[in-house]
Amino acid sequence: MKLIELSCDQPSFKTLHFNPEGLTLIVGDGSISGFSEGSSNGVGKTLSLGLIHLCLGAKTNPKLAAAVPDWMFRLDFSISGKTHVVERSGNGK
């Protein structure tokens, strides 16, 4: 399986494009001093993984369902060269 793109129907959500030729890293640029100011907290690393998991059939996260129940998340991926699309709402429907 090769992930292609994670997107949402809301303009405030920044689409995540996966590297078509190799590894995609989701990182934050932590502060130089190592203190919390300028940390990589809140960048979206954990949320991105959770949304991929949701689109691939995981149970709905209650916090996500409460926060954005009507947002539609879309995961495009390919298996053996054939593209597939999965869409699920924040409440898992």
N, C-alpha and C. Protein backbone atom coordinates (compact mmCIF):
# COMPACT_ATOMS: atom_id res chain seq x y z
N MET A 1 0.84 -1.17 0.00
CA MET A 1 0.00 0.00 0.00
C MET A 1 0.89 1.24 0.00
N LYS A 2 0.51 2.21 -0.80
CA LYS A 2 1.21 3.48 -0.86
C LYS A 2 0.21 4.60 -0.61
N LEU A 3 0.47 5.40 0.43
CA LEU A 3 -0.39 6.54 0.72
C LEU A 3 -0.10 7.66 -0.27
N ILE A 4 -1.15 8.31 -0.75
CA ILE A 4 -1.01 9.39 -1.73
C ILE A 4 -1.31 10.74 -1.10
N GLU A 5 -2.48 10.85 -0.43
CA GLU A 5 -2.90 12.15 0.07
C GLU A 5 -3.94 11.99 1.17
N LEU A 6 -3.86 12.85 2.18
CA LEU A 6 -4.88 12.95 3.22
C LEU A 6 -5.44 14.36 3.14
N SER A 7 -6.75 14.48 2.96
CA SER A 7 -7.36 15.79 2.80
C SER A 7 -8.68 15.86 3.57
N CYS A 8 -9.29 17.04 3.54
CA CYS A 8 -10.53 17.29 4.25
C CYS A 8 -11.36 18.29 3.46
N ASP A 9 -12.66 18.29 3.70
CA ASP A 9 -13.55 19.21 2.98
C ASP A 9 -13.56 20.61 3.60
N GLN A 10 -12.77 20.84 4.64
CA GLN A 10 -12.71 22.14 5.29
C GLN A 10 -11.44 22.89 4.87
N PRO A 11 -11.57 24.17 4.48
CA PRO A 11 -10.41 24.92 3.99
C PRO A 11 -9.33 25.14 5.04
N SER A 12 -9.67 25.06 6.32
CA SER A 12 -8.67 25.27 7.37
C SER A 12 -7.74 24.05 7.53
N PHE A 13 -8.11 22.91 6.95
CA PHE A 13 -7.30 21.70 7.03
C PHE A 13 -6.28 21.72 5.90
N LYS A 14 -5.01 21.62 6.23
CA LYS A 14 -3.96 21.61 5.22
C LYS A 14 -3.75 20.19 4.70
N THR A 15 -3.94 20.01 3.40
CA THR A 15 -3.80 18.68 2.79
C THR A 15 -2.37 18.17 2.97
N LEU A 16 -2.29 16.89 3.30
CA LEU A 16 -1.01 16.23 3.49
C LEU A 16 -0.72 15.38 2.26
N HIS A 17 0.31 15.75 1.51
CA HIS A 17 0.72 15.00 0.31
C HIS A 17 1.89 14.10 0.70
N PHE A 18 1.77 12.83 0.41
CA PHE A 18 2.83 11.89 0.74
C PHE A 18 3.83 11.80 -0.40
N ASN A 19 5.08 11.56 -0.05
CA ASN A 19 6.16 11.45 -1.02
C ASN A 19 5.91 10.24 -1.93
N PRO A 20 5.77 10.45 -3.24
CA PRO A 20 5.48 9.33 -4.14
C PRO A 20 6.69 8.42 -4.38
N GLU A 21 7.87 8.87 -4.05
CA GLU A 21 9.07 8.10 -4.35
C GLU A 21 9.81 7.58 -3.13
N GLY A 22 9.16 7.56 -1.99
CA GLY A 22 9.86 7.05 -0.82
C GLY A 22 9.16 7.38 0.47
N LEU A 23 9.94 7.68 1.47
CA LEU A 23 9.48 7.88 2.83
C LEU A 23 8.95 9.30 3.04
N THR A 24 7.86 9.42 3.78
CA THR A 24 7.33 10.72 4.18
C THR A 24 7.49 10.83 5.69
N LEU A 25 8.10 11.91 6.13
CA LEU A 25 8.28 12.17 7.55
C LEU A 25 7.39 13.34 7.96
N ILE A 26 6.70 13.17 9.06
CA ILE A 26 5.89 14.25 9.62
C ILE A 26 6.63 14.68 10.89
N VAL A 27 7.25 15.85 10.84
CA VAL A 27 8.07 16.32 11.95
C VAL A 27 7.70 17.74 12.32
N GLY A 28 8.06 18.12 13.51
CA GLY A 28 7.93 19.50 13.96
C GLY A 28 9.32 20.07 14.13
N ASP A 29 9.43 21.37 14.01
CA ASP A 29 10.74 21.99 14.20
C ASP A 29 10.82 22.52 15.62
N GLY A 30 11.32 21.69 16.53
CA GLY A 30 11.40 22.03 17.94
C GLY A 30 12.30 23.23 18.17
N SER A 31 12.17 23.84 19.34
CA SER A 31 12.96 25.01 19.66
C SER A 31 14.42 24.63 19.87
N ILE A 32 15.30 25.55 19.61
CA ILE A 32 16.73 25.31 19.77
C ILE A 32 17.09 25.10 21.23
N SER A 33 16.45 25.84 22.12
CA SER A 33 16.76 25.75 23.55
C SER A 33 16.19 24.49 24.21
N GLY A 34 15.21 23.88 23.57
CA GLY A 34 14.60 22.68 24.14
C GLY A 34 13.46 22.98 25.09
N PHE A 35 13.15 24.24 25.32
CA PHE A 35 12.01 24.60 26.17
C PHE A 35 10.75 24.61 25.35
N SER A 36 9.60 24.73 26.02
CA SER A 36 8.31 24.59 25.34
C SER A 36 8.03 25.67 24.31
N GLU A 37 8.55 26.89 24.49
CA GLU A 37 8.27 27.94 23.51
C GLU A 37 8.91 27.56 22.18
N GLY A 38 8.11 27.55 21.12
CA GLY A 38 8.64 27.16 19.81
C GLY A 38 8.72 25.66 19.64
N SER A 39 8.07 24.91 20.52
CA SER A 39 8.13 23.45 20.43
C SER A 39 7.30 22.96 19.25
N SER A 40 7.38 21.69 19.00
CA SER A 40 6.63 21.10 17.89
C SER A 40 5.28 20.57 18.34
N ASN A 41 4.87 20.89 19.56
CA ASN A 41 3.54 20.50 20.02
C ASN A 41 2.48 21.24 19.23
N GLY A 42 1.42 20.53 18.86
CA GLY A 42 0.33 21.17 18.13
C GLY A 42 0.54 21.28 16.64
N VAL A 43 1.58 20.65 16.11
CA VAL A 43 1.85 20.71 14.67
C VAL A 43 0.88 19.83 13.89
N GLY A 44 0.45 18.70 14.49
CA GLY A 44 -0.50 17.81 13.84
C GLY A 44 0.02 16.42 13.54
N LYS A 45 1.15 16.05 14.12
CA LYS A 45 1.75 14.74 13.85
C LYS A 45 0.82 13.61 14.30
N THR A 46 0.39 13.65 15.54
CA THR A 46 -0.46 12.60 16.08
C THR A 46 -1.83 12.62 15.42
N LEU A 47 -2.37 13.80 15.18
CA LEU A 47 -3.67 13.91 14.51
C LEU A 47 -3.61 13.30 13.11
N SER A 48 -2.54 13.56 12.37
CA SER A 48 -2.41 13.00 11.02
C SER A 48 -2.44 11.47 11.05
N LEU A 49 -1.70 10.90 11.97
CA LEU A 49 -1.69 9.44 12.08
C LEU A 49 -3.06 8.91 12.50
N GLY A 50 -3.72 9.62 13.41
CA GLY A 50 -5.05 9.22 13.84
C GLY A 50 -6.07 9.27 12.72
N LEU A 51 -5.97 10.29 11.86
CA LEU A 51 -6.90 10.41 10.73
C LEU A 51 -6.66 9.32 9.68
N ILE A 52 -5.41 8.97 9.46
CA ILE A 52 -5.10 7.85 8.55
C ILE A 52 -5.70 6.57 9.11
N HIS A 53 -5.50 6.36 10.40
CA HIS A 53 -6.05 5.18 11.07
C HIS A 53 -7.57 5.15 10.96
N LEU A 54 -8.22 6.31 11.18
CA LEU A 54 -9.67 6.42 11.06
C LEU A 54 -10.12 6.03 9.65
N CYS A 55 -9.46 6.59 8.65
CA CYS A 55 -9.85 6.30 7.26
C CYS A 55 -9.63 4.84 6.88
N LEU A 56 -8.70 4.18 7.55
CA LEU A 56 -8.45 2.78 7.26
C LEU A 56 -9.30 1.83 8.10
N GLY A 57 -10.28 2.40 8.84
CA GLY A 57 -11.25 1.54 9.50
C GLY A 57 -11.22 1.48 11.01
N ALA A 58 -10.41 2.32 11.66
CA ALA A 58 -10.34 2.29 13.12
C ALA A 58 -11.64 2.81 13.73
N LYS A 59 -11.84 2.49 15.00
CA LYS A 59 -12.97 3.04 15.73
C LYS A 59 -12.79 4.55 15.84
N THR A 60 -13.89 5.25 15.92
CA THR A 60 -13.86 6.71 16.01
C THR A 60 -13.30 7.16 17.34
N ASN A 61 -12.45 8.18 17.29
CA ASN A 61 -11.91 8.80 18.49
C ASN A 61 -13.00 9.72 19.05
N PRO A 62 -13.42 9.53 20.30
CA PRO A 62 -14.50 10.36 20.86
C PRO A 62 -14.19 11.86 20.85
N LYS A 63 -12.93 12.23 21.06
CA LYS A 63 -12.56 13.65 21.04
C LYS A 63 -12.71 14.23 19.64
N LEU A 64 -12.32 13.48 18.63
CA LEU A 64 -12.46 13.93 17.24
C LEU A 64 -13.94 14.03 16.88
N ALA A 65 -14.72 13.05 17.28
CA ALA A 65 -16.16 13.05 16.99
C ALA A 65 -16.86 14.23 17.62
N ALA A 66 -16.44 14.62 18.81
CA ALA A 66 -17.06 15.77 19.49
C ALA A 66 -16.63 17.09 18.86
N ALA A 67 -15.37 17.16 18.41
CA ALA A 67 -14.83 18.42 17.89
C ALA A 67 -15.27 18.72 16.47
N VAL A 68 -15.22 17.73 15.60
CA VAL A 68 -15.50 17.95 14.17
C VAL A 68 -16.35 16.82 13.58
N PRO A 69 -17.56 16.62 14.10
CA PRO A 69 -18.36 15.46 13.67
C PRO A 69 -18.74 15.48 12.19
N ASP A 70 -18.89 16.65 11.59
CA ASP A 70 -19.35 16.74 10.20
C ASP A 70 -18.23 16.93 9.18
N TRP A 71 -16.99 17.07 9.63
CA TRP A 71 -15.89 17.23 8.69
C TRP A 71 -15.67 15.90 7.97
N MET A 72 -15.45 15.96 6.67
CA MET A 72 -15.19 14.75 5.88
C MET A 72 -13.69 14.65 5.57
N PHE A 73 -13.09 13.55 6.00
CA PHE A 73 -11.67 13.30 5.75
C PHE A 73 -11.55 12.28 4.63
N ARG A 74 -10.56 12.48 3.78
CA ARG A 74 -10.39 11.63 2.60
C ARG A 74 -8.95 11.14 2.54
N LEU A 75 -8.78 9.84 2.37
CA LEU A 75 -7.46 9.25 2.20
C LEU A 75 -7.40 8.61 0.83
N ASP A 76 -6.45 9.06 0.02
CA ASP A 76 -6.19 8.45 -1.28
C ASP A 76 -4.95 7.56 -1.12
N PHE A 77 -5.03 6.34 -1.59
CA PHE A 77 -3.90 5.42 -1.52
C PHE A 77 -3.95 4.48 -2.70
N SER A 78 -2.84 3.79 -2.95
CA SER A 78 -2.82 2.83 -4.05
C SER A 78 -2.32 1.48 -3.54
N ILE A 79 -2.85 0.45 -4.16
CA ILE A 79 -2.42 -0.92 -3.91
C ILE A 79 -2.19 -1.54 -5.27
N SER A 80 -0.99 -2.02 -5.49
CA SER A 80 -0.61 -2.64 -6.78
C SER A 80 -0.92 -1.72 -7.96
N GLY A 81 -0.69 -0.42 -7.78
CA GLY A 81 -0.89 0.54 -8.85
C GLY A 81 -2.32 1.01 -9.05
N LYS A 82 -3.28 0.45 -8.32
CA LYS A 82 -4.68 0.87 -8.46
C LYS A 82 -5.02 1.82 -7.31
N THR A 83 -5.55 3.00 -7.66
CA THR A 83 -5.87 4.01 -6.67
C THR A 83 -7.22 3.74 -6.01
N HIS A 84 -7.26 3.94 -4.70
CA HIS A 84 -8.48 3.78 -3.91
C HIS A 84 -8.69 5.05 -3.09
N VAL A 85 -9.94 5.34 -2.77
CA VAL A 85 -10.29 6.51 -1.97
C VAL A 85 -11.24 6.08 -0.86
N VAL A 86 -10.95 6.53 0.35
CA VAL A 86 -11.81 6.28 1.50
C VAL A 86 -12.16 7.64 2.10
N GLU A 87 -13.44 7.84 2.41
CA GLU A 87 -13.89 9.05 3.09
C GLU A 87 -14.65 8.67 4.35
N ARG A 88 -14.32 9.37 5.44
CA ARG A 88 -15.06 9.17 6.70
C ARG A 88 -15.21 10.52 7.38
N SER A 89 -16.32 10.69 8.06
CA SER A 89 -16.54 11.92 8.80
C SER A 89 -15.85 11.83 10.16
N GLY A 90 -15.74 12.98 10.80
CA GLY A 90 -15.10 13.02 12.12
C GLY A 90 -15.79 12.12 13.13
N ASN A 91 -17.09 11.88 12.94
CA ASN A 91 -17.80 10.98 13.84
C ASN A 91 -17.78 9.53 13.36
N GLY A 92 -17.02 9.27 12.31
CA GLY A 92 -16.79 7.90 11.86
C GLY A 92 -17.80 7.32 10.89
N LYS A 93 -18.75 8.10 10.45
CA LYS A 93 -19.77 7.57 9.53
C LYS A 93 -19.34 7.72 8.10
